Amino acid sequence: MVYGSARLTVLRRLDAVRQSALGICSGEFRTSPVESLYVICHQVLLHLRREKLSALYFFRAKSVSKHPINQLTLPVGLRRLYDARPSHILPFCERVEMLVHD
């Protein structure tokens, strides 16, 4: 789950590496649209894959009553700090709860 908590610039680099690898594997031209590359290779966009894996882990952890994730809550003051500084990355529980509620 650390993978999904990286900054967007780092995740974009990973997306570019994956896209070039898919292009090489499928024999597509470098100028081919990214969306068609994912369709040809039967792959999901990385941001959707990250969201899916995070949600699956979150629900699996919530189903275990003694899992530490069940006791984690963000104090109100800390929540206000994260709201004031959107460049800071929220903890995993908070990110996934926002994802699940959307």
PDB file of N, CA and C in Angstrom:
ATOM      1  N   MET A   1       0.800  -1.182   0.000  1.00  0.00           N
ATOM      2  CA  MET A   1       0.000   0.000   0.000  1.00  0.00           C
ATOM      3  C   MET A   1       0.853   1.259   0.000  1.00  0.00           C
ATOM      4  N   VAL A   2       2.139   1.084   0.237  1.00  0.00           N
ATOM      5  CA  VAL A   2       3.050   2.218   0.177  1.00  0.00           C
ATOM      6  C   VAL A   2       3.093   2.761  -1.244  1.00  0.00           C
ATOM      7  N   TYR A   3       2.921   1.871  -2.198  1.00  0.00           N
ATOM      8  CA  TYR A   3       2.986   2.234  -3.613  1.00  0.00           C
ATOM      9  C   TYR A   3       1.987   3.330  -3.952  1.00  0.00           C
ATOM     10  N   GLY A   4       0.813   3.276  -3.408  1.00  0.00           N
ATOM     11  CA  GLY A   4      -0.205   4.271  -3.704  1.00  0.00           C
ATOM     12  C   GLY A   4      -0.042   5.567  -2.940  1.00  0.00           C
ATOM     13  N   SER A   5       0.876   5.603  -1.973  1.00  0.00           N
ATOM     14  CA  SER A   5       1.031   6.805  -1.161  1.00  0.00           C
ATOM     15  C   SER A   5       2.162   7.703  -1.648  1.00  0.00           C
ATOM     16  N   ALA A   6       2.714   7.433  -2.793  1.00  0.00           N
ATOM     17  CA  ALA A   6       3.794   8.262  -3.334  1.00  0.00           C
ATOM     18  C   ALA A   6       3.219   9.543  -3.934  1.00  0.00           C
ATOM     19  N   ARG A   7       4.068  10.488  -4.161  1.00  0.00           N
ATOM     20  CA  ARG A   7       3.652  11.740  -4.801  1.00  0.00           C
ATOM     21  C   ARG A   7       3.250  11.480  -6.244  1.00  0.00           C
ATOM     22  N   LEU A   8       2.396  12.353  -6.770  1.00  0.00           N
ATOM     23  CA  LEU A   8       1.892  12.185  -8.137  1.00  0.00           C
ATOM     24  C   LEU A   8       3.000  12.212  -9.181  1.00  0.00           C
ATOM     25  N   THR A   9       4.033  12.998  -8.947  1.00  0.00           N
ATOM     26  CA  THR A   9       5.125  13.053  -9.922  1.00  0.00           C
ATOM     27  C   THR A   9       5.841  11.715 -10.019  1.00  0.00           C
ATOM     28  N   VAL A  10       6.013  11.047  -8.898  1.00  0.00           N
ATOM     29  CA  VAL A  10       6.657   9.731  -8.897  1.00  0.00           C
ATOM     30  C   VAL A  10       5.750   8.708  -9.570  1.00  0.00           C
ATOM     31  N   LEU A  11       4.463   8.770  -9.276  1.00  0.00           N
ATOM     32  CA  LEU A  11       3.523   7.828  -9.882  1.00  0.00           C
ATOM     33  C   LEU A  11       3.433   8.028 -11.391  1.00  0.00           C
ATOM     34  N   ARG A  12       3.542   9.268 -11.847  1.00  0.00           N
ATOM     35  CA  ARG A  12       3.522   9.523 -13.297  1.00  0.00           C
ATOM     36  C   ARG A  12       4.735   8.904 -13.976  1.00  0.00           C
ATOM     37  N   ARG A  13       5.882   8.941 -13.301  1.00  0.00           N
ATOM     38  CA  ARG A  13       7.072   8.287 -13.863  1.00  0.00           C
ATOM     39  C   ARG A  13       6.848   6.785 -13.999  1.00  0.00           C
ATOM     40  N   LEU A  14       6.234   6.191 -12.992  1.00  0.00           N
ATOM     41  CA  LEU A  14       5.938   4.759 -13.064  1.00  0.00           C
ATOM     42  C   LEU A  14       4.956   4.462 -14.190  1.00  0.00           C
ATOM     43  N   ASP A  15       3.983   5.336 -14.374  1.00  0.00           N
ATOM     44  CA  ASP A  15       3.033   5.171 -15.478  1.00  0.00           C
ATOM     45  C   ASP A  15       3.757   5.190 -16.815  1.00  0.00           C
ATOM     46  N   ALA A  16       4.705   6.110 -16.964  1.00  0.00           N
ATOM     47  CA  ALA A  16       5.448   6.218 -18.226  1.00  0.00           C
ATOM     48  C   ALA A  16       6.289   4.974 -18.483  1.00  0.00           C
ATOM     49  N   VAL A  17       6.902   4.439 -17.438  1.00  0.00           N
ATOM     50  CA  VAL A  17       7.704   3.220 -17.591  1.00  0.00           C
ATOM     51  C   VAL A  17       6.812   2.059 -18.008  1.00  0.00           C
ATOM     52  N   ARG A  18       5.654   1.943 -17.377  1.00  0.00           N
ATOM     53  CA  ARG A  18       4.738   0.855 -17.722  1.00  0.00           C
ATOM     54  C   ARG A  18       4.224   1.001 -19.148  1.00  0.00           C
ATOM     55  N   GLN A  19       3.907   2.219 -19.547  1.00  0.00           N
ATOM     56  CA  GLN A  19       3.414   2.438 -20.907  1.00  0.00           C
ATOM     57  C   GLN A  19       4.471   2.089 -21.942  1.00  0.00           C
ATOM     58  N   SER A  20       5.714   2.452 -21.683  1.00  0.00           N
ATOM     59  CA  SER A  20       6.757   2.109 -22.650  1.00  0.00           C
ATOM     60  C   SER A  20       6.996   0.605 -22.677  1.00  0.00           C
ATOM     61  N   ALA A  21       6.912  -0.056 -21.524  1.00  0.00           N
ATOM     62  CA  ALA A  21       7.072  -1.513 -21.491  1.00  0.00           C
ATOM     63  C   ALA A  21       5.940  -2.205 -22.248  1.00  0.00           C
ATOM     64  N   LEU A  22       4.717  -1.728 -22.070  1.00  0.00           N
ATOM     65  CA  LEU A  22       3.591  -2.309 -22.806  1.00  0.00           C
ATOM     66  C   LEU A  22       3.744  -2.082 -24.302  1.00  0.00           C
ATOM     67  N   GLY A  23       4.248  -0.923 -24.681  1.00  0.00           N
ATOM     68  CA  GLY A  23       4.471  -0.639 -26.095  1.00  0.00           C
ATOM     69  C   GLY A  23       5.510  -1.554 -26.705  1.00  0.00           C
ATOM     70  N   ILE A  24       6.575  -1.815 -25.969  1.00  0.00           N
ATOM     71  CA  ILE A  24       7.617  -2.720 -26.454  1.00  0.00           C
ATOM     72  C   ILE A  24       7.078  -4.139 -26.561  1.00  0.00           C
ATOM     73  N   CYS A  25       6.355  -4.583 -25.541  1.00  0.00           N
ATOM     74  CA  CYS A  25       5.829  -5.958 -25.533  1.00  0.00           C
ATOM     75  C   CYS A  25       4.798  -6.189 -26.632  1.00  0.00           C
ATOM     76  N   SER A  26       3.992  -5.188 -26.906  1.00  0.00           N
ATOM     77  CA  SER A  26       2.925  -5.370 -27.892  1.00  0.00           C
ATOM     78  C   SER A  26       3.370  -5.023 -29.305  1.00  0.00           C
ATOM     79  N   GLY A  27       4.528  -4.399 -29.451  1.00  0.00           N
ATOM     80  CA  GLY A  27       5.012  -4.038 -30.775  1.00  0.00           C
ATOM     81  C   GLY A  27       4.350  -2.798 -31.343  1.00  0.00           C
ATOM     82  N   GLU A  28       3.728  -2.002 -30.505  1.00  0.00           N
ATOM     83  CA  GLU A  28       3.061  -0.781 -30.952  1.00  0.00           C
ATOM     84  C   GLU A  28       4.085   0.309 -31.247  1.00  0.00           C
ATOM     85  N   PHE A  29       3.675   1.272 -32.044  1.00  0.00           N
ATOM     86  CA  PHE A  29       4.516   2.427 -32.316  1.00  0.00           C
ATOM     87  C   PHE A  29       4.546   3.340 -31.094  1.00  0.00           C
ATOM     88  N   ARG A  30       5.596   4.124 -30.973  1.00  0.00           N
ATOM     89  CA  ARG A  30       5.721   5.049 -29.842  1.00  0.00           C
ATOM     90  C   ARG A  30       4.643   6.123 -29.868  1.00  0.00           C
ATOM     91  N   THR A  31       4.112   6.399 -31.043  1.00  0.00           N
ATOM     92  CA  THR A  31       3.099   7.452 -31.175  1.00  0.00           C
ATOM     93  C   THR A  31       1.678   6.938 -30.980  1.00  0.00           C
ATOM     94  N   SER A  32       1.520   5.659 -30.698  1.00  0.00           N
ATOM     95  CA  SER A  32       0.180   5.100 -30.491  1.00  0.00           C
ATOM     96  C   SER A  32      -0.444   5.698 -29.233  1.00  0.00           C
ATOM     97  N   PRO A  33      -1.748   5.946 -29.251  1.00  0.00           N
ATOM     98  CA  PRO A  33      -2.413   6.478 -28.058  1.00  0.00           C
ATOM     99  C   PRO A  33      -2.319   5.495 -26.888  1.00  0.00           C
ATOM    100  N   VAL A  34      -2.168   6.046 -25.705  1.00  0.00           N
ATOM    101  CA  VAL A  34      -2.001   5.229 -24.508  1.00  0.00           C
ATOM    102  C   VAL A  34      -3.231   4.372 -24.253  1.00  0.00           C
ATOM    103  N   GLU A  35      -4.419   4.933 -24.474  1.00  0.00           N
ATOM    104  CA  GLU A  35      -5.651   4.192 -24.212  1.00  0.00           C
ATOM    105  C   GLU A  35      -5.738   2.939 -25.076  1.00  0.00           C
ATOM    106  N   SER A  36      -5.373   3.062 -26.350  1.00  0.00           N
ATOM    107  CA  SER A  36      -5.431   1.893 -27.230  1.00  0.00           C
ATOM    108  C   SER A  36      -4.396   0.859 -26.820  1.00  0.00           C
ATOM    109  N   LEU A  37      -3.274   1.309 -26.296  1.00  0.00           N
ATOM    110  CA  LEU A  37      -2.238   0.393 -25.827  1.00  0.00           C
ATOM    111  C   LEU A  37      -2.754  -0.451 -24.668  1.00  0.00           C
ATOM    112  N   TYR A  38      -3.460   0.174 -23.742  1.00  0.00           N
ATOM    113  CA  TYR A  38      -4.026  -0.564 -22.616  1.00  0.00           C
ATOM    114  C   TYR A  38      -5.102  -1.545 -23.080  1.00  0.00           C
ATOM    115  N   VAL A  39      -5.892  -1.161 -24.059  1.00  0.00           N
ATOM    116  CA  VAL A  39      -6.942  -2.049 -24.571  1.00  0.00           C
ATOM    117  C   VAL A  39      -6.320  -3.255 -25.259  1.00  0.00           C
ATOM    118  N   ILE A  40      -5.324  -3.015 -26.092  1.00  0.00           N
ATOM    119  CA  ILE A  40      -4.675  -4.109 -26.815  1.00  0.00           C
ATOM    120  C   ILE A  40      -4.037  -5.102 -25.847  1.00  0.00           C
ATOM    121  N   CYS A  41      -3.435  -4.585 -24.783  1.00  0.00           N
ATOM    122  CA  CYS A  41      -2.736  -5.445 -23.819  1.00  0.00           C
ATOM    123  C   CYS A  41      -3.647  -5.962 -22.702  1.00  0.00           C
ATOM    124  N   HIS A  42      -4.924  -5.607 -22.737  1.00  0.00           N
ATOM    125  CA  HIS A  42      -5.894  -6.033 -21.711  1.00  0.00           C
ATOM    126  C   HIS A  42      -5.426  -5.622 -20.312  1.00  0.00           C
ATOM    127  N   GLN A  43      -5.018  -4.366 -20.174  1.00  0.00           N
ATOM    128  CA  GLN A  43      -4.534  -3.844 -18.904  1.00  0.00           C
ATOM    129  C   GLN A  43      -5.433  -2.708 -18.430  1.00  0.00           C
ATOM    130  N   VAL A  44      -5.418  -2.493 -17.128  1.00  0.00           N
ATOM    131  CA  VAL A  44      -6.178  -1.409 -16.512  1.00  0.00           C
ATOM    132  C   VAL A  44      -5.209  -0.255 -16.259  1.00  0.00           C
ATOM    133  N   LEU A  45      -5.702   0.977 -16.344  1.00  0.00           N
ATOM    134  CA  LEU A  45      -4.863   2.127 -16.027  1.00  0.00           C
ATOM    135  C   LEU A  45      -4.315   1.987 -14.608  1.00  0.00           C
ATOM    136  N   LEU A  46      -3.081   2.424 -14.416  1.00  0.00           N
ATOM    137  CA  LEU A  46      -2.430   2.208 -13.127  1.00  0.00           C
ATOM    138  C   LEU A  46      -3.133   2.898 -11.969  1.00  0.00           C
ATOM    139  N   HIS A  47      -3.668   4.090 -12.182  1.00  0.00           N
ATOM    140  CA  HIS A  47      -4.342   4.758 -11.057  1.00  0.00           C
ATOM    141  C   HIS A  47      -5.602   3.990 -10.654  1.00  0.00           C
ATOM    142  N   LEU A  48      -6.295   3.387 -11.613  1.00  0.00           N
ATOM    143  CA  LEU A  48      -7.466   2.569 -11.274  1.00  0.00           C
ATOM    144  C   LEU A  48      -7.043   1.277 -10.577  1.00  0.00           C
ATOM    145  N   ARG A  49      -5.945   0.709 -11.023  1.00  0.00           N
ATOM    146  CA  ARG A  49      -5.429  -0.506 -10.382  1.00  0.00           C
ATOM    147  C   ARG A  49      -5.011  -0.216  -8.943  1.00  0.00           C
ATOM    148  N   ARG A  50      -4.349   0.915  -8.726  1.00  0.00           N
ATOM    149  CA  ARG A  50      -3.948   1.288  -7.364  1.00  0.00           C
ATOM    150  C   ARG A  50      -5.171   1.468  -6.472  1.00  0.00           C
ATOM    151  N   GLU A  51      -6.204   2.129  -6.998  1.00  0.00           N
ATOM    152  CA  GLU A  51      -7.427   2.329  -6.211  1.00  0.00           C
ATOM    153  C   GLU A  51      -8.096   0.999  -5.885  1.00  0.00           C
ATOM    154  N   LYS A  52      -8.146   0.114  -6.855  1.00  0.00           N
ATOM    155  CA  LYS A  52      -8.781  -1.190  -6.638  1.00  0.00           C
ATOM    156  C   LYS A  52      -8.022  -1.993  -5.585  1.00  0.00           C
ATOM    157  N   LEU A  53      -6.699  -2.057  -5.703  1.00  0.00           N
ATOM    158  CA  LEU A  53      -5.905  -2.814  -4.735  1.00  0.00           C
ATOM    159  C   LEU A  53      -6.000  -2.215  -3.337  1.00  0.00           C
ATOM    160  N   SER A  54      -6.027  -0.895  -3.253  1.00  0.00           N
ATOM    161  CA  SER A  54      -6.168  -0.246  -1.950  1.00  0.00           C
ATOM    162  C   SER A  54      -7.516  -0.570  -1.321  1.00  0.00           C
ATOM    163  N   ALA A  55      -8.571  -0.509  -2.113  1.00  0.00           N
ATOM    164  CA  ALA A  55      -9.909  -0.814  -1.592  1.00  0.00           C
ATOM    165  C   ALA A  55     -10.007  -2.275  -1.163  1.00  0.00           C
ATOM    166  N   LEU A  56      -9.442  -3.179  -1.952  1.00  0.00           N
ATOM    167  CA  LEU A  56      -9.472  -4.599  -1.581  1.00  0.00           C
ATOM    168  C   LEU A  56      -8.734  -4.841  -0.272  1.00  0.00           C
ATOM    169  N   TYR A  57      -7.571  -4.243  -0.126  1.00  0.00           N
ATOM    170  CA  TYR A  57      -6.818  -4.401   1.118  1.00  0.00           C
ATOM    171  C   TYR A  57      -7.583  -3.801   2.294  1.00  0.00           C
ATOM    172  N   PHE A  58      -8.174  -2.638   2.088  1.00  0.00           N
ATOM    173  CA  PHE A  58      -8.925  -1.968   3.145  1.00  0.00           C
ATOM    174  C   PHE A  58     -10.086  -2.834   3.621  1.00  0.00           C
ATOM    175  N   PHE A  59     -10.863  -3.379   2.685  1.00  0.00           N
ATOM    176  CA  PHE A  59     -12.006  -4.214   3.069  1.00  0.00           C
ATOM    177  C   PHE A  59     -11.555  -5.514   3.719  1.00  0.00           C
ATOM    178  N   ARG A  60     -10.457  -6.071   3.237  1.00  0.00           N
ATOM    179  CA  ARG A  60      -9.933  -7.296   3.839  1.00  0.00           C
ATOM    180  C   ARG A  60      -9.473  -7.014   5.270  1.00  0.00           C
ATOM    181  N   ALA A  61      -8.819  -5.886   5.475  1.00  0.00           N
ATOM    182  CA  ALA A  61      -8.354  -5.530   6.817  1.00  0.00           C
ATOM    183  C   ALA A  61      -9.530  -5.211   7.735  1.00  0.00           C
ATOM    184  N   LYS A  62     -10.552  -4.556   7.219  1.00  0.00           N
ATOM    185  CA  LYS A  62     -11.733  -4.236   8.032  1.00  0.00           C
ATOM    186  C   LYS A  62     -12.491  -5.490   8.453  1.00  0.00           C
ATOM    187  N   SER A  63     -12.384  -6.550   7.666  1.00  0.00           N
ATOM    188  CA  SER A  63     -13.109  -7.777   8.001  1.00  0.00           C
ATOM    189  C   SER A  63     -12.456  -8.538   9.152  1.00  0.00           C
ATOM    190  N   VAL A  64     -11.210  -8.233   9.459  1.00  0.00           N
ATOM    191  CA  VAL A  64     -10.517  -8.864  10.587  1.00  0.00           C
ATOM    192  C   VAL A  64     -10.661  -7.931  11.785  1.00  0.00           C
ATOM    193  N   SER A  65     -11.339  -8.396  12.816  1.00  0.00           N
ATOM    194  CA  SER A  65     -11.684  -7.505  13.933  1.00  0.00           C
ATOM    195  C   SER A  65     -10.462  -6.980  14.683  1.00  0.00           C
ATOM    196  N   LYS A  66      -9.391  -7.742  14.761  1.00  0.00           N
ATOM    197  CA  LYS A  66      -8.222  -7.303  15.528  1.00  0.00           C
ATOM    198  C   LYS A  66      -7.153  -6.641  14.665  1.00  0.00           C
ATOM    199  N   HIS A  67      -7.476  -6.341  13.441  1.00  0.00           N
ATOM    200  CA  HIS A  67      -6.493  -5.691  12.570  1.00  0.00           C
ATOM    201  C   HIS A  67      -6.261  -4.257  13.055  1.00  0.00           C
ATOM    202  N   PRO A  68      -5.001  -3.797  13.081  1.00  0.00           N
ATOM    203  CA  PRO A  68      -4.709  -2.441  13.583  1.00  0.00           C
ATOM    204  C   PRO A  68      -5.406  -1.324  12.816  1.00  0.00           C
ATOM    205  N   ILE A  69      -5.769  -1.567  11.592  1.00  0.00           N
ATOM    206  CA  ILE A  69      -6.415  -0.522  10.791  1.00  0.00           C
ATOM    207  C   ILE A  69      -7.782  -0.142  11.366  1.00  0.00           C
ATOM    208  N   ASN A  70      -8.398  -1.040  12.119  1.00  0.00           N
ATOM    209  CA  ASN A  70      -9.715  -0.765  12.693  1.00  0.00           C
ATOM    210  C   ASN A  70      -9.654   0.243  13.842  1.00  0.00           C
ATOM    211  N   GLN A  71      -8.501   0.357  14.499  1.00  0.00           N
ATOM    212  CA  GLN A  71      -8.379   1.287  15.616  1.00  0.00           C
ATOM    213  C   GLN A  71      -7.843   2.653  15.193  1.00  0.00           C
ATOM    214  N   LEU A  72      -7.452   2.795  13.941  1.00  0.00           N
ATOM    215  CA  LEU A  72      -6.844   4.045  13.495  1.00  0.00           C
ATOM    216  C   LEU A  72      -7.904   5.081  13.141  1.00  0.00           C
ATOM    217  N   THR A  73      -7.813   6.213  13.784  1.00  0.00           N
ATOM    218  CA  THR A  73      -8.632   7.370  13.423  1.00  0.00           C
ATOM    219  C   THR A  73      -7.730   8.594  13.468  1.00  0.00           C
ATOM    220  N   LEU A  74      -7.996   9.521  12.616  1.00  0.00           N
ATOM    221  CA  LEU A  74      -7.191  10.736  12.537  1.00  0.00           C
ATOM    222  C   LEU A  74      -7.792  11.791  13.457  1.00  0.00           C
ATOM    223  N   PRO A  75      -7.013  12.323  14.418  1.00  0.00           N
ATOM    224  CA  PRO A  75      -7.540  13.373  15.295  1.00  0.00           C
ATOM    225  C   PRO A  75      -7.994  14.590  14.487  1.00  0.00           C
ATOM    226  N   VAL A  76      -8.951  15.320  15.032  1.00  0.00           N
ATOM    227  CA  VAL A  76      -9.540  16.459  14.327  1.00  0.00           C
ATOM    228  C   VAL A  76      -8.486  17.509  13.993  1.00  0.00           C
ATOM    229  N   GLY A  77      -7.596  17.792  14.931  1.00  0.00           N
ATOM    230  CA  GLY A  77      -6.556  18.791  14.688  1.00  0.00           C
ATOM    231  C   GLY A  77      -5.629  18.385  13.558  1.00  0.00           C
ATOM    232  N   LEU A  78      -5.296  17.120  13.515  1.00  0.00           N
ATOM    233  CA  LEU A  78      -4.434  16.626  12.444  1.00  0.00           C
ATOM    234  C   LEU A  78      -5.174  16.627  11.111  1.00  0.00           C
ATOM    235  N   ARG A  79      -6.448  16.358  11.164  1.00  0.00           N
ATOM    236  CA  ARG A  79      -7.259  16.396   9.943  1.00  0.00           C
ATOM    237  C   ARG A  79      -7.293  17.818   9.370  1.00  0.00           C
ATOM    238  N   ARG A  80      -7.414  18.806  10.246  1.00  0.00           N
ATOM    239  CA  ARG A  80      -7.397  20.199   9.792  1.00  0.00           C
ATOM    240  C   ARG A  80      -6.050  20.567   9.181  1.00  0.00           C
ATOM    241  N   LEU A  81      -4.990  20.011   9.739  1.00  0.00           N
ATOM    242  CA  LEU A  81      -3.653  20.263   9.201  1.00  0.00           C
ATOM    243  C   LEU A  81      -3.524  19.695   7.786  1.00  0.00           C
ATOM    244  N   TYR A  82      -4.027  18.496   7.579  1.00  0.00           N
ATOM    245  CA  TYR A  82      -4.002  17.900   6.241  1.00  0.00           C
ATOM    246  C   TYR A  82      -4.885  18.684   5.269  1.00  0.00           C
ATOM    247  N   ASP A  83      -6.011  19.193   5.749  1.00  0.00           N
ATOM    248  CA  ASP A  83      -6.881  19.998   4.885  1.00  0.00           C
ATOM    249  C   ASP A  83      -6.214  21.312   4.490  1.00  0.00           C
ATOM    250  N   ALA A  84      -5.445  21.884   5.411  1.00  0.00           N
ATOM    251  CA  ALA A  84      -4.768  23.150   5.133  1.00  0.00           C
ATOM    252  C   ALA A  84      -3.576  22.970   4.198  1.00  0.00           C
ATOM    253  N   ARG A  85      -3.000  21.775   4.212  1.00  0.00           N
ATOM    254  CA  ARG A  85      -1.826  21.506   3.368  1.00  0.00           C
ATOM    255  C   ARG A  85      -2.116  20.325   2.446  1.00  0.00           C
ATOM    256  N   PRO A  86      -2.779  20.574   1.342  1.00  0.00           N
ATOM    257  CA  PRO A  86      -3.154  19.474   0.447  1.00  0.00           C
ATOM    258  C   PRO A  86      -1.966  18.781  -0.208  1.00  0.00           C
ATOM    259  N   SER A  87      -0.773  19.379  -0.136  1.00  0.00           N
ATOM    260  CA  SER A  87       0.393  18.715  -0.716  1.00  0.00           C
ATOM    261  C   SER A  87       0.863  17.549   0.150  1.00  0.00           C
ATOM    262  N   HIS A  88       0.453  17.533   1.420  1.00  0.00           N
ATOM    263  CA  HIS A  88       0.811  16.422   2.295  1.00  0.00           C
ATOM    264  C   HIS A  88      -0.092  15.228   1.992  1.00  0.00           C
ATOM    265  N   ILE A  89       0.482  14.052   2.028  1.00  0.00           N
ATOM    266  CA  ILE A  89      -0.258  12.839   1.683  1.00  0.00           C
ATOM    267  C   ILE A  89      -0.971  12.311   2.924  1.00  0.00           C
ATOM    268  N   LEU A  90      -2.261  12.081   2.785  1.00  0.00           N
ATOM    269  CA  LEU A  90      -3.063  11.547   3.889  1.00  0.00           C
ATOM    270  C   LEU A  90      -2.639  10.122   4.224  1.00  0.00           C
ATOM    271  N   PRO A  91      -2.869   9.681   5.471  1.00  0.00           N
ATOM    272  CA  PRO A  91      -2.623   8.282   5.805  1.00  0.00           C
ATOM    273  C   PRO A  91      -3.520   7.361   4.977  1.00  0.00           C
ATOM    274  N   PHE A  92      -3.107   6.117   4.870  1.00  0.00           N
ATOM    275  CA  PHE A  92      -3.801   5.146   4.027  1.00  0.00           C
ATOM    276  C   PHE A  92      -5.287   5.055   4.354  1.00  0.00           C
ATOM    277  N   CYS A  93      -5.623   4.954   5.629  1.00  0.00           N
ATOM    278  CA  CYS A  93      -7.038   4.793   6.020  1.00  0.00           C
ATOM    279  C   CYS A  93      -7.890   5.950   5.518  1.00  0.00           C
ATOM    280  N   GLU A  94      -7.382   7.153   5.670  1.00  0.00           N
ATOM    281  CA  GLU A  94      -8.144   8.330   5.247  1.00  0.00           C
ATOM    282  C   GLU A  94      -8.300   8.382   3.731  1.00  0.00           C
ATOM    283  N   ARG A  95      -7.234   8.057   3.007  1.00  0.00           N
ATOM    284  CA  ARG A  95      -7.310   8.071   1.541  1.00  0.00           C
ATOM    285  C   ARG A  95      -8.326   7.061   1.037  1.00  0.00           C
ATOM    286  N   VAL A  96      -8.318   5.872   1.609  1.00  0.00           N
ATOM    287  CA  VAL A  96      -9.224   4.828   1.128  1.00  0.00           C
ATOM    288  C   VAL A  96     -10.655   5.126   1.536  1.00  0.00           C
ATOM    289  N   GLU A  97     -10.866   5.668   2.715  1.00  0.00           N
ATOM    290  CA  GLU A  97     -12.231   6.017   3.116  1.00  0.00           C
ATOM    291  C   GLU A  97     -12.816   7.072   2.186  1.00  0.00           C
ATOM    292  N   MET A  98     -11.996   8.053   1.773  1.00  0.00           N
ATOM    293  CA  MET A  98     -12.473   9.040   0.802  1.00  0.00           C
ATOM    294  C   MET A  98     -12.767   8.370  -0.537  1.00  0.00           C
ATOM    295  N   LEU A  99     -11.952   7.422  -0.923  1.00  0.00           N
ATOM    296  CA  LEU A  99     -12.142   6.694  -2.176  1.00  0.00           C
ATOM    297  C   LEU A  99     -13.425   5.868  -2.132  1.00  0.00           C
ATOM    298  N   VAL A 100     -13.665   5.206  -1.014  1.00  0.00           N
ATOM    299  CA  VAL A 100     -14.841   4.343  -0.873  1.00  0.00           C
ATOM    300  C   VAL A 100     -16.120   5.172  -0.842  1.00  0.00           C
ATOM    301  N   HIS A 101     -16.076   6.335  -0.197  1.00  0.00           N
ATOM    302  CA  HIS A 101     -17.276   7.168  -0.106  1.00  0.00           C
ATOM    303  C   HIS A 101     -17.618   7.844  -1.423  1.00  0.00           C
ATOM    304  N   ASP A 102     -16.650   7.959  -2.325  1.00  0.00           N
ATOM    305  CA  ASP A 102     -16.924   8.556  -3.644  1.00  0.00           C
ATOM    306  C   ASP A 102     -17.542   7.515  -4.498  1.00  0.00           C
TER     307      ASP A 102
END
